Amino acid sequence: MKDVLMPLYGFVRGDTLGVLVLVRASDSVGTLIDTLEQATAVRVAPRPQARLFAGERELDRASTVAAAGLSALERVDLVPEGG
């Protein structure tokens, strides 16, 4: 698999808008979480221990975007710990 930029739709709990972010297949899920937090920081303060979900499945921070099985234009949801 080529390491190309992949667009993903991200929704952050507490934000009123979804965002489109670009990540590489080799980026970690942790990097994707950071990217989403940076993209929404104007409206939602970053929170420690946020968890990322694709549907009902929680994604492992250490996994790569490709290993997590994410594909272009897929929706992911960032939820603060305990939220």
C-alpha atoms as a PDB file:
ATOM      1  CA  MET A   1       0.000   0.000   0.000  1.00  0.00           C
ATOM      2  CA  LYS A   2       1.329   3.406  -0.925  1.00  0.00           C
ATOM      3  CA  ASP A   3       1.723   5.896   1.866  1.00  0.00           C
ATOM      4  CA  VAL A   4      -0.581   8.510   0.383  1.00  0.00           C
ATOM      5  CA  LEU A   5      -2.597  11.177   2.116  1.00  0.00           C
ATOM      6  CA  MET A   6      -5.976   9.877   3.203  1.00  0.00           C
ATOM      7  CA  PRO A   7      -8.959  12.174   3.907  1.00  0.00           C
ATOM      8  CA  LEU A   8     -11.030  11.226   6.959  1.00  0.00           C
ATOM      9  CA  TYR A   9     -14.131  12.841   8.420  1.00  0.00           C
ATOM     10  CA  GLY A  10     -13.608  13.606  12.090  1.00  0.00           C
ATOM     11  CA  PHE A  11     -16.152  14.532  14.709  1.00  0.00           C
ATOM     12  CA  VAL A  12     -15.002  15.734  18.131  1.00  0.00           C
ATOM     13  CA  ARG A  13     -17.407  15.475  21.053  1.00  0.00           C
ATOM     14  CA  GLY A  14     -18.391  19.007  22.048  1.00  0.00           C
ATOM     15  CA  ASP A  15     -17.801  20.512  18.590  1.00  0.00           C
ATOM     16  CA  THR A  16     -20.665  21.646  16.384  1.00  0.00           C
ATOM     17  CA  LEU A  17     -18.892  20.861  13.109  1.00  0.00           C
ATOM     18  CA  GLY A  18     -17.232  17.869  11.532  1.00  0.00           C
ATOM     19  CA  VAL A  19     -13.789  18.359   9.998  1.00  0.00           C
ATOM     20  CA  LEU A  20     -11.984  16.794   7.080  1.00  0.00           C
ATOM     21  CA  VAL A  21      -8.399  15.911   8.001  1.00  0.00           C
ATOM     22  CA  LEU A  22      -5.580  14.451   5.927  1.00  0.00           C
ATOM     23  CA  VAL A  23      -3.375  11.724   7.406  1.00  0.00           C
ATOM     24  CA  ARG A  24      -0.995   9.161   5.983  1.00  0.00           C
ATOM     25  CA  ALA A  25      -1.696   5.433   6.161  1.00  0.00           C
ATOM     26  CA  SER A  26       1.566   5.072   8.126  1.00  0.00           C
ATOM     27  CA  ASP A  27       0.557   7.696  10.724  1.00  0.00           C
ATOM     28  CA  SER A  28      -0.405   6.370  14.128  1.00  0.00           C
ATOM     29  CA  VAL A  29      -3.928   6.677  15.459  1.00  0.00           C
ATOM     30  CA  GLY A  30      -2.335   8.893  18.139  1.00  0.00           C
ATOM     31  CA  THR A  31      -1.199  11.261  15.372  1.00  0.00           C
ATOM     32  CA  LEU A  32      -4.734  11.247  13.972  1.00  0.00           C
ATOM     33  CA  ILE A  33      -6.073  12.157  17.428  1.00  0.00           C
ATOM     34  CA  ASP A  34      -3.571  15.036  17.658  1.00  0.00           C
ATOM     35  CA  THR A  35      -4.531  16.220  14.168  1.00  0.00           C
ATOM     36  CA  LEU A  36      -8.225  16.246  15.049  1.00  0.00           C
ATOM     37  CA  GLU A  37      -7.569  18.114  18.287  1.00  0.00           C
ATOM     38  CA  GLN A  38      -5.484  20.732  16.460  1.00  0.00           C
ATOM     39  CA  ALA A  39      -8.132  21.147  13.756  1.00  0.00           C
ATOM     40  CA  THR A  40     -10.881  21.815  16.305  1.00  0.00           C
ATOM     41  CA  ALA A  41      -8.890  23.651  19.001  1.00  0.00           C
ATOM     42  CA  VAL A  42     -10.533  26.975  18.120  1.00  0.00           C
ATOM     43  CA  ARG A  43     -13.915  25.578  19.192  1.00  0.00           C
ATOM     44  CA  VAL A  44     -13.072  22.707  21.567  1.00  0.00           C
ATOM     45  CA  ALA A  45     -10.159  22.608  24.019  1.00  0.00           C
ATOM     46  CA  PRO A  46      -7.983  19.493  23.597  1.00  0.00           C
ATOM     47  CA  ARG A  47      -8.553  17.003  26.399  1.00  0.00           C
ATOM     48  CA  PRO A  48      -6.157  14.435  27.787  1.00  0.00           C
ATOM     49  CA  GLN A  49      -6.969  10.776  27.309  1.00  0.00           C
ATOM     50  CA  ALA A  50      -9.324  11.232  24.360  1.00  0.00           C
ATOM     51  CA  ARG A  51     -10.345   7.997  22.621  1.00  0.00           C
ATOM     52  CA  LEU A  52     -10.984   7.515  18.918  1.00  0.00           C
ATOM     53  CA  PHE A  53     -13.759   5.354  17.485  1.00  0.00           C
ATOM     54  CA  ALA A  54     -14.621   4.101  14.014  1.00  0.00           C
ATOM     55  CA  GLY A  55     -18.255   3.127  14.433  1.00  0.00           C
ATOM     56  CA  GLU A  56     -18.479   1.123  17.667  1.00  0.00           C
ATOM     57  CA  ARG A  57     -14.834   0.035  17.497  1.00  0.00           C
ATOM     58  CA  GLU A  58     -12.256   1.844  19.646  1.00  0.00           C
ATOM     59  CA  LEU A  59      -8.950   2.356  17.840  1.00  0.00           C
ATOM     60  CA  ASP A  60      -5.595   1.653  19.477  1.00  0.00           C
ATOM     61  CA  ARG A  61      -3.415   4.797  19.700  1.00  0.00           C
ATOM     62  CA  ALA A  62      -0.277   2.827  18.830  1.00  0.00           C
ATOM     63  CA  SER A  63      -1.774   1.278  15.691  1.00  0.00           C
ATOM     64  CA  THR A  64      -1.251   2.847  12.282  1.00  0.00           C
ATOM     65  CA  VAL A  65      -4.168   4.268  10.326  1.00  0.00           C
ATOM     66  CA  ALA A  66      -3.756   1.432   7.793  1.00  0.00           C
ATOM     67  CA  ALA A  67      -3.565  -1.289  10.465  1.00  0.00           C
ATOM     68  CA  ALA A  68      -6.708   0.156  12.088  1.00  0.00           C
ATOM     69  CA  GLY A  69      -8.494  -0.581   8.816  1.00  0.00           C
ATOM     70  CA  LEU A  70      -9.479   3.001   8.080  1.00  0.00           C
ATOM     71  CA  SER A  71     -10.227   3.953   4.498  1.00  0.00           C
ATOM     72  CA  ALA A  72     -10.609   7.257   2.671  1.00  0.00           C
ATOM     73  CA  LEU A  73     -13.593   9.376   3.704  1.00  0.00           C
ATOM     74  CA  GLU A  74     -14.415   7.163   6.671  1.00  0.00           C
ATOM     75  CA  ARG A  75     -15.916   8.773   9.772  1.00  0.00           C
ATOM     76  CA  VAL A  76     -14.067   8.739  13.094  1.00  0.00           C
ATOM     77  CA  ASP A  77     -15.295  10.114  16.423  1.00  0.00           C
ATOM     78  CA  LEU A  78     -13.058  11.579  19.120  1.00  0.00           C
ATOM     79  CA  VAL A  79     -14.490  11.204  22.614  1.00  0.00           C
ATOM     80  CA  PRO A  80     -12.890  12.450  25.841  1.00  0.00           C
ATOM     81  CA  GLU A  81     -12.166   9.818  28.484  1.00  0.00           C
ATOM     82  CA  GLY A  82     -15.330   9.151  30.449  1.00  0.00           C
ATOM     83  CA  GLY A  83     -17.440  10.784  27.738  1.00  0.00           C
END
